[in-house]
Amino acid sequence: MAGGCAACGSSRLRAHLSVGGDPGVQGLIPTTDMYGTALDDIVACESCGHMQLERLPAEESLLDLYEAAESGDYVEEERGQRVTAQAALERIERWAPGRGRLLDLGCWVGFLLAEARERGWDTIGVEPSAFASAYARDRLGLDVRRDGLFTADLPEASFDAVVLGDVIEHLVDPGRALERIAGLLRPGGVVYLALPDAGSALARRLGPRWWSVIPTHVQYFTRASLLGLLERRGFEPLWAGTAPKTFSVRYYLWRLRGYSPALSDSLIGLARAAGAADRLWTPDLRDRMAVVARLAGA
């Protein structure tokens, strides 16, 4: 059994979902369709409702996996990724003290940073993947360091906004990550987190077959467990809501292959025939959330 809840520290963890198995190499890429597969079974905290792997892996082993991760699927979906980034930045700018310095931790290929730069932000990114960090630097001309969240050499108390987009659910020690971010923020600066909502109605209904139960996720936050973790680490939540992603219709239908390849192929064919396959789509299934927070008393 896990040593304690990563969100609240409670030792009251109970078995929740039996999904552990060997994901293989295919399951350890960002766009895997191995839904319902994880590195271990999932336990739930009886105190705060947070869920996590029964046995959390070593941070070093995860970092090795992320350094080797590469996938062209998100690159091909650049238009939608930039629309998603624009929505996140609009939310950040509503609460940030100004368009000063923005740090994106786990920035992948850098589309959010590129959009932020166009809006006047001074941007820095950190990304462990050799493939993704090279793309951000070489193709987009961004300042992206190939490093980890805990090891990157970053100036203290110098950022007006720090972004964790689809990152905290991958971390063995999310509380430690928030402590690092607290030291990086300027007075009044904000942190923006976007991640799957394991407490959503859809997640509860699908259970182990929810598409966010995948090998690269080690934490499964509910809105309550995330807000509780932020508050325990000295942050004041300012806003919380849903955060749907924008992709092409084709991409969303392709993702159905994790359930039925035949149905996925059939629907993609119909979308192409109707001229809709390349249209952007932002379905809000209410199973992805975002939170903006700042240090309490800042």
C-alpha atoms as a PDB file:
ATOM      1  CA  MET A   1       0.000   0.000   0.000  1.00  0.00           C
ATOM      2  CA  ALA A   2       1.178   3.528  -0.746  1.00  0.00           C
ATOM      3  CA  GLY A   3       2.865   5.340   2.137  1.00  0.00           C
ATOM      4  CA  GLY A   4       0.254   8.068   2.333  1.00  0.00           C
ATOM      5  CA  CYS A   5      -2.071  10.275   0.344  1.00  0.00           C
ATOM      6  CA  ALA A   6      -0.106  12.612  -1.929  1.00  0.00           C
ATOM      7  CA  ALA A   7      -2.780  15.282  -1.511  1.00  0.00           C
ATOM      8  CA  CYS A   8      -3.453  15.350   2.239  1.00  0.00           C
ATOM      9  CA  GLY A   9      -0.941  12.942   3.789  1.00  0.00           C
ATOM     10  CA  SER A  10      -3.564  10.628   5.286  1.00  0.00           C
ATOM     11  CA  SER A  11      -2.696   6.953   5.681  1.00  0.00           C
ATOM     12  CA  ARG A  12      -6.344   5.962   5.217  1.00  0.00           C
ATOM     13  CA  LEU A  13      -6.066   4.531   1.720  1.00  0.00           C
ATOM     14  CA  ARG A  14      -8.344   1.827   0.371  1.00  0.00           C
ATOM     15  CA  ALA A  15      -8.376  -0.225  -2.811  1.00  0.00           C
ATOM     16  CA  HIS A  16     -10.283   1.585  -5.552  1.00  0.00           C
ATOM     17  CA  LEU A  17      -9.564   0.359  -9.103  1.00  0.00           C
ATOM     18  CA  SER A  18      -7.773  -2.777 -10.214  1.00  0.00           C
ATOM     19  CA  VAL A  19      -5.989  -1.631 -13.371  1.00  0.00           C
ATOM     20  CA  GLY A  20      -2.319  -2.494 -12.849  1.00  0.00           C
ATOM     21  CA  GLY A  21      -0.483  -4.265 -15.614  1.00  0.00           C
ATOM     22  CA  ASP A  22       2.434  -4.098 -18.007  1.00  0.00           C
ATOM     23  CA  PRO A  23       1.756  -1.196 -20.382  1.00  0.00           C
ATOM     24  CA  GLY A  24       4.751  -1.915 -22.602  1.00  0.00           C
ATOM     25  CA  VAL A  25       6.534   0.787 -24.566  1.00  0.00           C
ATOM     26  CA  GLN A  26       3.372   1.808 -26.436  1.00  0.00           C
ATOM     27  CA  GLY A  27       1.676   2.740 -23.208  1.00  0.00           C
ATOM     28  CA  LEU A  28       4.375   5.152 -22.094  1.00  0.00           C
ATOM     29  CA  ILE A  29       3.955   7.792 -24.795  1.00  0.00           C
ATOM     30  CA  PRO A  30       1.840  10.947 -24.316  1.00  0.00           C
ATOM     31  CA  THR A  31      -0.935   9.883 -26.689  1.00  0.00           C
ATOM     32  CA  THR A  32      -1.403   6.267 -25.659  1.00  0.00           C
ATOM     33  CA  ASP A  33      -4.832   4.727 -26.164  1.00  0.00           C
ATOM     34  CA  MET A  34      -4.313   2.084 -23.468  1.00  0.00           C
ATOM     35  CA  TYR A  35      -7.233   3.286 -21.364  1.00  0.00           C
ATOM     36  CA  GLY A  36      -7.751   1.424 -18.121  1.00  0.00           C
ATOM     37  CA  THR A  37      -4.073   0.491 -17.796  1.00  0.00           C
ATOM     38  CA  ALA A  38      -1.737   1.901 -15.151  1.00  0.00           C
ATOM     39  CA  LEU A  39       1.633   1.098 -13.627  1.00  0.00           C
ATOM     40  CA  ASP A  40      -0.186  -0.262 -10.555  1.00  0.00           C
ATOM     41  CA  ASP A  41      -3.646  -0.513  -9.080  1.00  0.00           C
ATOM     42  CA  ILE A  42      -5.291   2.688  -7.843  1.00  0.00           C
ATOM     43  CA  VAL A  43      -6.147   3.452  -4.222  1.00  0.00           C
ATOM     44  CA  ALA A  44      -8.434   6.170  -2.883  1.00  0.00           C
ATOM     45  CA  CYS A  45      -7.986   8.355   0.184  1.00  0.00           C
ATOM     46  CA  GLU A  46     -10.860   8.058   2.654  1.00  0.00           C
ATOM     47  CA  SER A  47     -10.027  11.508   4.050  1.00  0.00           C
ATOM     48  CA  CYS A  48      -9.973  13.742   0.952  1.00  0.00           C
ATOM     49  CA  GLY A  49     -11.061  11.545  -1.971  1.00  0.00           C
ATOM     50  CA  HIS A  50      -7.750  11.780  -3.822  1.00  0.00           C
ATOM     51  CA  MET A  51      -6.662   8.753  -5.874  1.00  0.00           C
ATOM     52  CA  GLN A  52      -3.173   7.550  -6.730  1.00  0.00           C
ATOM     53  CA  LEU A  53      -1.192   4.470  -7.645  1.00  0.00           C
ATOM     54  CA  GLU A  54      -0.975   1.916  -4.854  1.00  0.00           C
ATOM     55  CA  ARG A  55       2.809   1.863  -5.214  1.00  0.00           C
ATOM     56  CA  LEU A  56       4.261   5.059  -6.604  1.00  0.00           C
ATOM     57  CA  PRO A  57       7.296   4.645  -8.880  1.00  0.00           C
ATOM     58  CA  ALA A  58      10.649   6.293  -8.239  1.00  0.00           C
ATOM     59  CA  GLU A  59      10.891   9.855  -9.569  1.00  0.00           C
ATOM     60  CA  GLU A  60      14.156   9.003 -11.334  1.00  0.00           C
ATOM     61  CA  SER A  61      12.587   6.171 -13.326  1.00  0.00           C
ATOM     62  CA  LEU A  62       9.703   8.381 -14.431  1.00  0.00           C
ATOM     63  CA  LEU A  63      12.085  11.152 -15.489  1.00  0.00           C
ATOM     64  CA  ASP A  64      13.993   8.664 -17.637  1.00  0.00           C
ATOM     65  CA  LEU A  65      10.737   7.719 -19.370  1.00  0.00           C
ATOM     66  CA  TYR A  66       9.757  11.338 -19.974  1.00  0.00           C
ATOM     67  CA  GLU A  67      13.207  12.189 -21.336  1.00  0.00           C
ATOM     68  CA  ALA A  68      12.730   9.523 -24.000  1.00  0.00           C
ATOM     69  CA  ALA A  69       9.086  10.356 -24.762  1.00  0.00           C
ATOM     70  CA  GLU A  70       8.225  11.512 -28.256  1.00  0.00           C
ATOM     71  CA  SER A  71       5.058  11.744 -30.324  1.00  0.00           C
ATOM     72  CA  GLY A  72       4.095  13.661 -33.435  1.00  0.00           C
ATOM     73  CA  ASP A  73       0.358  13.501 -32.751  1.00  0.00           C
ATOM     74  CA  TYR A  74       0.195  16.794 -30.834  1.00  0.00           C
ATOM     75  CA  VAL A  75       2.457  18.495 -33.387  1.00  0.00           C
ATOM     76  CA  GLU A  76      -0.023  17.594 -36.113  1.00  0.00           C
ATOM     77  CA  GLU A  77      -2.768  19.143 -33.976  1.00  0.00           C
ATOM     78  CA  GLU A  78      -1.030  22.525 -33.664  1.00  0.00           C
ATOM     79  CA  ARG A  79      -4.098  24.597 -34.582  1.00  0.00           C
ATOM     80  CA  GLY A  80      -6.202  23.127 -31.801  1.00  0.00           C
ATOM     81  CA  GLN A  81      -3.362  23.167 -29.296  1.00  0.00           C
ATOM     82  CA  ARG A  82      -2.910  26.885 -29.865  1.00  0.00           C
ATOM     83  CA  VAL A  83      -6.634  27.509 -29.348  1.00  0.00           C
ATOM     84  CA  THR A  84      -6.446  25.599 -26.060  1.00  0.00           C
ATOM     85  CA  ALA A  85      -3.399  27.662 -25.082  1.00  0.00           C
ATOM     86  CA  GLN A  86      -5.196  30.921 -25.878  1.00  0.00           C
ATOM     87  CA  ALA A  87      -8.056  29.973 -23.564  1.00  0.00           C
ATOM     88  CA  ALA A  88      -5.587  29.157 -20.766  1.00  0.00           C
ATOM     89  CA  LEU A  89      -3.726  32.434 -21.239  1.00  0.00           C
ATOM     90  CA  GLU A  90      -6.931  34.457 -21.149  1.00  0.00           C
ATOM     91  CA  ARG A  91      -7.681  32.888 -17.783  1.00  0.00           C
ATOM     92  CA  ILE A  92      -4.150  33.487 -16.500  1.00  0.00           C
ATOM     93  CA  GLU A  93      -4.176  37.117 -17.612  1.00  0.00           C
ATOM     94  CA  ARG A  94      -7.385  37.750 -15.722  1.00  0.00           C
ATOM     95  CA  TRP A  95      -5.539  37.090 -12.461  1.00  0.00           C
ATOM     96  CA  ALA A  96      -1.820  37.681 -13.101  1.00  0.00           C
ATOM     97  CA  PRO A  97      -0.275  41.007 -12.031  1.00  0.00           C
ATOM     98  CA  GLY A  98       0.739  41.727 -15.638  1.00  0.00           C
ATOM     99  CA  ARG A  99       2.168  40.196 -18.802  1.00  0.00           C
ATOM    100  CA  GLY A 100       5.655  39.859 -17.384  1.00  0.00           C
ATOM    101  CA  ARG A 101       7.576  36.577 -17.115  1.00  0.00           C
ATOM    102  CA  LEU A 102       5.787  33.285 -17.700  1.00  0.00           C
ATOM    103  CA  LEU A 103       7.249  29.861 -16.937  1.00  0.00           C
ATOM    104  CA  ASP A 104       5.741  26.708 -18.437  1.00  0.00           C
ATOM    105  CA  LEU A 105       6.879  23.587 -16.560  1.00  0.00           C
ATOM    106  CA  GLY A 106       6.432  20.508 -18.719  1.00  0.00           C
ATOM    107  CA  CYS A 107       5.759  22.637 -21.790  1.00  0.00           C
ATOM    108  CA  TRP A 108       6.041  19.762 -24.306  1.00  0.00           C
ATOM    109  CA  VAL A 109       6.581  21.273 -27.806  1.00  0.00           C
ATOM    110  CA  GLY A 110       5.868  24.811 -26.609  1.00  0.00           C
ATOM    111  CA  PHE A 111       2.628  25.914 -28.246  1.00  0.00           C
ATOM    112  CA  LEU A 112       1.416  27.704 -25.101  1.00  0.00           C
ATOM    113  CA  LEU A 113       4.758  29.501 -24.812  1.00  0.00           C
ATOM    114  CA  ALA A 114       4.565  30.547 -28.464  1.00  0.00           C
ATOM    115  CA  GLU A 115       1.089  31.986 -27.939  1.00  0.00           C
ATOM    116  CA  ALA A 116       2.204  33.736 -24.735  1.00  0.00           C
ATOM    117  CA  ARG A 117       5.158  35.298 -26.525  1.00  0.00           C
ATOM    118  CA  GLU A 118       2.844  36.687 -29.181  1.00  0.00           C
ATOM    119  CA  ARG A 119       0.731  38.253 -26.420  1.00  0.00           C
ATOM    120  CA  GLY A 120       3.739  40.060 -24.967  1.00  0.00           C
ATOM    121  CA  TRP A 121       4.966  37.670 -22.262  1.00  0.00           C
ATOM    122  CA  ASP A 122       8.650  36.996 -21.602  1.00  0.00           C
ATOM    123  CA  THR A 123       8.659  33.199 -21.691  1.00  0.00           C
ATOM    124  CA  ILE A 124      10.755  30.302 -20.413  1.00  0.00           C
ATOM    125  CA  GLY A 125       9.926  26.609 -20.671  1.00  0.00           C
ATOM    126  CA  VAL A 126      11.192  23.449 -19.004  1.00  0.00           C
ATOM    127  CA  GLU A 127      10.660  20.082 -20.683  1.00  0.00           C
ATOM    128  CA  PRO A 128      12.468  16.761 -20.029  1.00  0.00           C
ATOM    129  CA  SER A 129      11.648  15.194 -23.409  1.00  0.00           C
ATOM    130  CA  ALA A 130      14.548  15.485 -25.846  1.00  0.00           C
ATOM    131  CA  PHE A 131      12.127  15.368 -28.794  1.00  0.00           C
ATOM    132  CA  ALA A 132       9.712  17.993 -27.480  1.00  0.00           C
ATOM    133  CA  SER A 133      12.275  20.441 -26.100  1.00  0.00           C
ATOM    134  CA  ALA A 134      14.233  20.333 -29.367  1.00  0.00           C
ATOM    135  CA  TYR A 135      11.071  21.048 -31.352  1.00  0.00           C
ATOM    136  CA  ALA A 136      10.277  24.050 -29.147  1.00  0.00           C
ATOM    137  CA  ARG A 137      13.776  25.468 -29.550  1.00  0.00           C
ATOM    138  CA  ASP A 138      14.518  24.622 -33.171  1.00  0.00           C
ATOM    139  CA  ARG A 139      11.116  25.044 -34.784  1.00  0.00           C
ATOM    140  CA  LEU A 140       9.523  27.733 -32.613  1.00  0.00           C
ATOM    141  CA  GLY A 141      12.611  29.606 -31.426  1.00  0.00           C
ATOM    142  CA  LEU A 142      11.645  29.355 -27.762  1.00  0.00           C
ATOM    143  CA  ASP A 143      13.792  29.405 -24.631  1.00  0.00           C
ATOM    144  CA  VAL A 144      13.076  25.861 -23.472  1.00  0.00           C
ATOM    145  CA  ARG A 145      15.500  24.019 -21.220  1.00  0.00           C
ATOM    146  CA  ARG A 146      15.709  20.240 -21.365  1.00  0.00           C
ATOM    147  CA  ASP A 147      15.453  19.468 -17.667  1.00  0.00           C
ATOM    148  CA  GLY A 148      13.122  18.360 -14.885  1.00  0.00           C
ATOM    149  CA  LEU A 149      10.860  20.455 -12.687  1.00  0.00           C
ATOM    150  CA  PHE A 150      13.023  19.927  -9.611  1.00  0.00           C
ATOM    151  CA  THR A 151      16.439  20.219 -11.247  1.00  0.00           C
ATOM    152  CA  ALA A 152      16.064  23.127 -13.679  1.00  0.00           C
ATOM    153  CA  ASP A 153      18.174  26.173 -12.827  1.00  0.00           C
ATOM    154  CA  LEU A 154      15.558  28.924 -12.556  1.00  0.00           C
ATOM    155  CA  PRO A 155      15.654  32.348 -10.884  1.00  0.00           C
ATOM    156  CA  GLU A 156      13.787  32.539  -7.605  1.00  0.00           C
ATOM    157  CA  ALA A 157      10.863  34.943  -7.084  1.00  0.00           C
ATOM    158  CA  SER A 158      10.912  36.113 -10.703  1.00  0.00           C
ATOM    159  CA  PHE A 159       7.787  34.820 -12.497  1.00  0.00           C
ATOM    160  CA  ASP A 160       4.385  36.463 -12.777  1.00  0.00           C
ATOM    161  CA  ALA A 161       2.798  33.194 -13.897  1.00  0.00           C
ATOM    162  CA  VAL A 162       3.785  29.528 -13.730  1.00  0.00           C
ATOM    163  CA  VAL A 163       1.903  26.961 -15.828  1.00  0.00           C
ATOM    164  CA  LEU A 164       1.460  23.250 -15.074  1.00  0.00           C
ATOM    165  CA  GLY A 165      -0.598  21.995 -17.993  1.00  0.00           C
ATOM    166  CA  ASP A 166      -1.281  18.248 -17.741  1.00  0.00           C
ATOM    167  CA  VAL A 167       1.753  17.818 -15.501  1.00  0.00           C
ATOM    168  CA  ILE A 168       0.846  17.464 -11.817  1.00  0.00           C
ATOM    169  CA  GLU A 169      -0.939  14.148 -12.389  1.00  0.00           C
ATOM    170  CA  HIS A 170       2.416  12.722 -13.585  1.00  0.00           C
ATOM    171  CA  LEU A 171       4.334  13.677 -10.433  1.00  0.00           C
ATOM    172  CA  VAL A 172       5.148  11.336  -7.558  1.00  0.00           C
ATOM    173  CA  ASP A 173       5.302  14.264  -5.099  1.00  0.00           C
ATOM    174  CA  PRO A 174       2.923  17.027  -6.252  1.00  0.00           C
ATOM    175  CA  GLY A 175       3.236  18.873  -2.941  1.00  0.00           C
ATOM    176  CA  ARG A 176       6.974  19.275  -3.455  1.00  0.00           C
ATOM    177  CA  ALA A 177       6.258  20.664  -6.933  1.00  0.00           C
ATOM    178  CA  LEU A 178       4.005  23.346  -5.461  1.00  0.00           C
ATOM    179  CA  GLU A 179       6.713  24.240  -2.948  1.00  0.00           C
ATOM    180  CA  ARG A 180       9.150  24.732  -5.845  1.00  0.00           C
ATOM    181  CA  ILE A 181       6.631  26.914  -7.661  1.00  0.00           C
ATOM    182  CA  ALA A 182       6.019  29.007  -4.540  1.00  0.00           C
ATOM    183  CA  GLY A 183       9.697  29.905  -4.560  1.00  0.00           C
ATOM    184  CA  LEU A 184       9.624  30.873  -8.236  1.00  0.00           C
ATOM    185  CA  LEU A 185       6.643  33.238  -8.123  1.00  0.00           C
ATOM    186  CA  ARG A 186       6.917  36.974  -7.668  1.00  0.00           C
ATOM    187  CA  PRO A 187       4.619  38.567  -5.073  1.00  0.00           C
ATOM    188  CA  GLY A 188       1.138  38.442  -6.568  1.00  0.00           C
ATOM    189  CA  GLY A 189       2.140  35.903  -9.214  1.00  0.00           C
ATOM    190  CA  VAL A 190      -0.198  33.043 -10.087  1.00  0.00           C
ATOM    191  CA  VAL A 191       0.027  29.357 -10.855  1.00  0.00           C
ATOM    192  CA  TYR A 192      -2.257  27.811 -13.473  1.00  0.00           C
ATOM    193  CA  LEU A 193      -2.929  24.078 -13.360  1.00  0.00           C
ATOM    194  CA  ALA A 194      -4.921  22.064 -15.903  1.00  0.00           C
ATOM    195  CA  LEU A 195      -5.470  18.336 -15.465  1.00  0.00           C
ATOM    196  CA  PRO A 196      -8.016  15.493 -15.614  1.00  0.00           C
ATOM    197  CA  ASP A 197     -10.805  15.603 -13.016  1.00  0.00           C
ATOM    198  CA  ALA A 198     -11.105  12.134 -11.487  1.00  0.00           C
ATOM    199  CA  GLY A 199     -14.082  13.296  -9.447  1.00  0.00           C
ATOM    200  CA  SER A 200     -16.153  14.269 -12.488  1.00  0.00           C
ATOM    201  CA  ALA A 201     -19.405  12.497 -13.284  1.00  0.00           C
ATOM    202  CA  LEU A 202     -17.916  11.034 -16.456  1.00  0.00           C
ATOM    203  CA  ALA A 203     -14.833   9.680 -14.685  1.00  0.00           C
ATOM    204  CA  ARG A 204     -16.983   8.054 -12.020  1.00  0.00           C
ATOM    205  CA  ARG A 205     -19.277   6.541 -14.635  1.00  0.00           C
ATOM    206  CA  LEU A 206     -16.488   5.076 -16.783  1.00  0.00           C
ATOM    207  CA  GLY A 207     -14.444   3.903 -13.800  1.00  0.00           C
ATOM    208  CA  PRO A 208     -11.369   1.939 -14.914  1.00  0.00           C
ATOM    209  CA  ARG A 209     -12.232   2.571 -18.587  1.00  0.00           C
ATOM    210  CA  TRP A 210     -11.993   6.364 -18.285  1.00  0.00           C
ATOM    211  CA  TRP A 211      -9.557   7.646 -20.927  1.00  0.00           C
ATOM    212  CA  SER A 212      -7.426   9.387 -18.313  1.00  0.00           C
ATOM    213  CA  VAL A 213      -6.601   6.097 -16.598  1.00  0.00           C
ATOM    214  CA  ILE A 214      -3.380   5.578 -18.561  1.00  0.00           C
ATOM    215  CA  PRO A 215       0.159   4.384 -17.765  1.00  0.00           C
ATOM    216  CA  THR A 216       1.730   7.861 -17.516  1.00  0.00           C
ATOM    217  CA  HIS A 217      -0.669   9.089 -14.806  1.00  0.00           C
ATOM    218  CA  VAL A 218       0.286   8.359 -11.198  1.00  0.00           C
ATOM    219  CA  GLN A 219      -2.105  10.824  -9.456  1.00  0.00           C
ATOM    220  CA  TYR A 220      -5.872  11.169  -9.924  1.00  0.00           C
ATOM    221  CA  PHE A 221      -7.048  14.461  -8.486  1.00  0.00           C
ATOM    222  CA  THR A 222     -10.601  15.495  -7.784  1.00  0.00           C
ATOM    223  CA  ARG A 223     -11.374  19.202  -7.650  1.00  0.00           C
ATOM    224  CA  ALA A 224     -11.628  18.978  -3.866  1.00  0.00           C
ATOM    225  CA  SER A 225      -8.328  17.130  -3.424  1.00  0.00           C
ATOM    226  CA  LEU A 226      -6.483  19.567  -5.704  1.00  0.00           C
ATOM    227  CA  LEU A 227      -7.864  22.645  -3.958  1.00  0.00           C
ATOM    228  CA  GLY A 228      -7.044  21.069  -0.603  1.00  0.00           C
ATOM    229  CA  LEU A 229      -3.455  20.383  -1.656  1.00  0.00           C
ATOM    230  CA  LEU A 230      -3.049  23.969  -2.881  1.00  0.00           C
ATOM    231  CA  GLU A 231      -4.340  25.374   0.385  1.00  0.00           C
ATOM    232  CA  ARG A 232      -2.125  23.095   2.466  1.00  0.00           C
ATOM    233  CA  ARG A 233       0.893  24.310   0.482  1.00  0.00           C
ATOM    234  CA  GLY A 234       0.090  27.958   1.142  1.00  0.00           C
ATOM    235  CA  PHE A 235      -1.867  28.838  -1.997  1.00  0.00           C
ATOM    236  CA  GLU A 236      -5.169  30.675  -2.240  1.00  0.00           C
ATOM    237  CA  PRO A 237      -7.364  29.330  -5.088  1.00  0.00           C
ATOM    238  CA  LEU A 238      -8.766  32.233  -7.117  1.00  0.00           C
ATOM    239  CA  TRP A 239     -10.773  30.384  -9.761  1.00  0.00           C
ATOM    240  CA  ALA A 240     -11.648  26.814 -10.687  1.00  0.00           C
ATOM    241  CA  GLY A 241     -13.591  25.496 -13.653  1.00  0.00           C
ATOM    242  CA  THR A 242     -13.581  23.090 -16.567  1.00  0.00           C
ATOM    243  CA  ALA A 243     -10.841  23.227 -19.193  1.00  0.00           C
ATOM    244  CA  PRO A 244     -11.805  21.417 -22.406  1.00  0.00           C
ATOM    245  CA  LYS A 245      -9.174  20.888 -25.081  1.00  0.00           C
ATOM    246  CA  THR A 246      -9.503  21.786 -28.747  1.00  0.00           C
ATOM    247  CA  PHE A 247      -8.530  19.222 -31.363  1.00  0.00           C
ATOM    248  CA  SER A 248      -9.672  18.324 -34.850  1.00  0.00           C
ATOM    249  CA  VAL A 249     -12.749  16.136 -35.178  1.00  0.00           C
ATOM    250  CA  ARG A 250     -10.483  13.483 -36.720  1.00  0.00           C
ATOM    251  CA  TYR A 251      -8.214  13.447 -33.656  1.00  0.00           C
ATOM    252  CA  TYR A 252     -11.072  12.987 -31.209  1.00  0.00           C
ATOM    253  CA  LEU A 253     -12.531  10.169 -33.314  1.00  0.00           C
ATOM    254  CA  TRP A 254      -9.091   8.563 -33.603  1.00  0.00           C
ATOM    255  CA  ARG A 255      -8.850   8.544 -29.797  1.00  0.00           C
ATOM    256  CA  LEU A 256     -11.861   6.221 -29.751  1.00  0.00           C
ATOM    257  CA  ARG A 257      -9.520   3.467 -30.950  1.00  0.00           C
ATOM    258  CA  GLY A 258      -8.842   2.781 -27.290  1.00  0.00           C
ATOM    259  CA  TYR A 259     -12.395   1.441 -27.113  1.00  0.00           C
ATOM    260  CA  SER A 260     -13.173   0.223 -30.628  1.00  0.00           C
ATOM    261  CA  PRO A 261     -10.795   0.532 -33.612  1.00  0.00           C
ATOM    262  CA  ALA A 262     -13.596  -0.439 -36.004  1.00  0.00           C
ATOM    263  CA  LEU A 263     -15.952   2.236 -34.691  1.00  0.00           C
ATOM    264  CA  SER A 264     -13.151   4.811 -34.750  1.00  0.00           C
ATOM    265  CA  ASP A 265     -12.292   4.066 -38.385  1.00  0.00           C
ATOM    266  CA  SER A 266     -15.947   4.128 -39.401  1.00  0.00           C
ATOM    267  CA  LEU A 267     -16.618   7.494 -37.765  1.00  0.00           C
ATOM    268  CA  ILE A 268     -13.454   9.033 -39.243  1.00  0.00           C
ATOM    269  CA  GLY A 269     -14.633   7.886 -42.671  1.00  0.00           C
ATOM    270  CA  LEU A 270     -18.017   9.504 -42.137  1.00  0.00           C
ATOM    271  CA  ALA A 271     -16.397  12.726 -40.922  1.00  0.00           C
ATOM    272  CA  ARG A 272     -14.208  12.857 -44.009  1.00  0.00           C
ATOM    273  CA  ALA A 273     -17.167  12.263 -46.291  1.00  0.00           C
ATOM    274  CA  ALA A 274     -19.033  15.099 -44.586  1.00  0.00           C
ATOM    275  CA  GLY A 275     -16.024  17.430 -44.843  1.00  0.00           C
ATOM    276  CA  ALA A 276     -15.852  17.717 -41.052  1.00  0.00           C
ATOM    277  CA  ALA A 277     -12.701  15.753 -40.216  1.00  0.00           C
ATOM    278  CA  ASP A 278     -10.423  18.806 -40.112  1.00  0.00           C
ATOM    279  CA  ARG A 279     -12.786  21.074 -38.210  1.00  0.00           C
ATOM    280  CA  LEU A 280     -11.749  22.124 -34.733  1.00  0.00           C
ATOM    281  CA  TRP A 281     -13.889  20.800 -31.903  1.00  0.00           C
ATOM    282  CA  THR A 282     -13.936  21.684 -28.211  1.00  0.00           C
ATOM    283  CA  PRO A 283     -16.333  19.299 -26.474  1.00  0.00           C
ATOM    284  CA  ASP A 284     -16.642  20.106 -22.766  1.00  0.00           C
ATOM    285  CA  LEU A 285     -17.176  16.709 -21.173  1.00  0.00           C
ATOM    286  CA  ARG A 286     -16.488  18.315 -17.774  1.00  0.00           C
ATOM    287  CA  ASP A 287     -13.798  15.753 -16.925  1.00  0.00           C
ATOM    288  CA  ARG A 288     -10.867  18.158 -17.280  1.00  0.00           C
ATOM    289  CA  MET A 289     -10.392  21.000 -14.825  1.00  0.00           C
ATOM    290  CA  ALA A 290      -8.223  24.065 -14.353  1.00  0.00           C
ATOM    291  CA  VAL A 291      -7.365  26.148 -11.297  1.00  0.00           C
ATOM    292  CA  VAL A 292      -5.713  29.552 -10.883  1.00  0.00           C
ATOM    293  CA  ALA A 293      -4.110  30.227  -7.482  1.00  0.00           C
ATOM    294  CA  ARG A 294      -1.656  32.579  -5.798  1.00  0.00           C
ATOM    295  CA  LEU A 295       0.259  32.427  -2.558  1.00  0.00           C
ATOM    296  CA  ALA A 296      -1.999  33.326   0.337  1.00  0.00           C
ATOM    297  CA  GLY A 297      -1.459  36.873   1.544  1.00  0.00           C
ATOM    298  CA  ALA A 298       0.467  37.891  -1.578  1.00  0.00           C
END
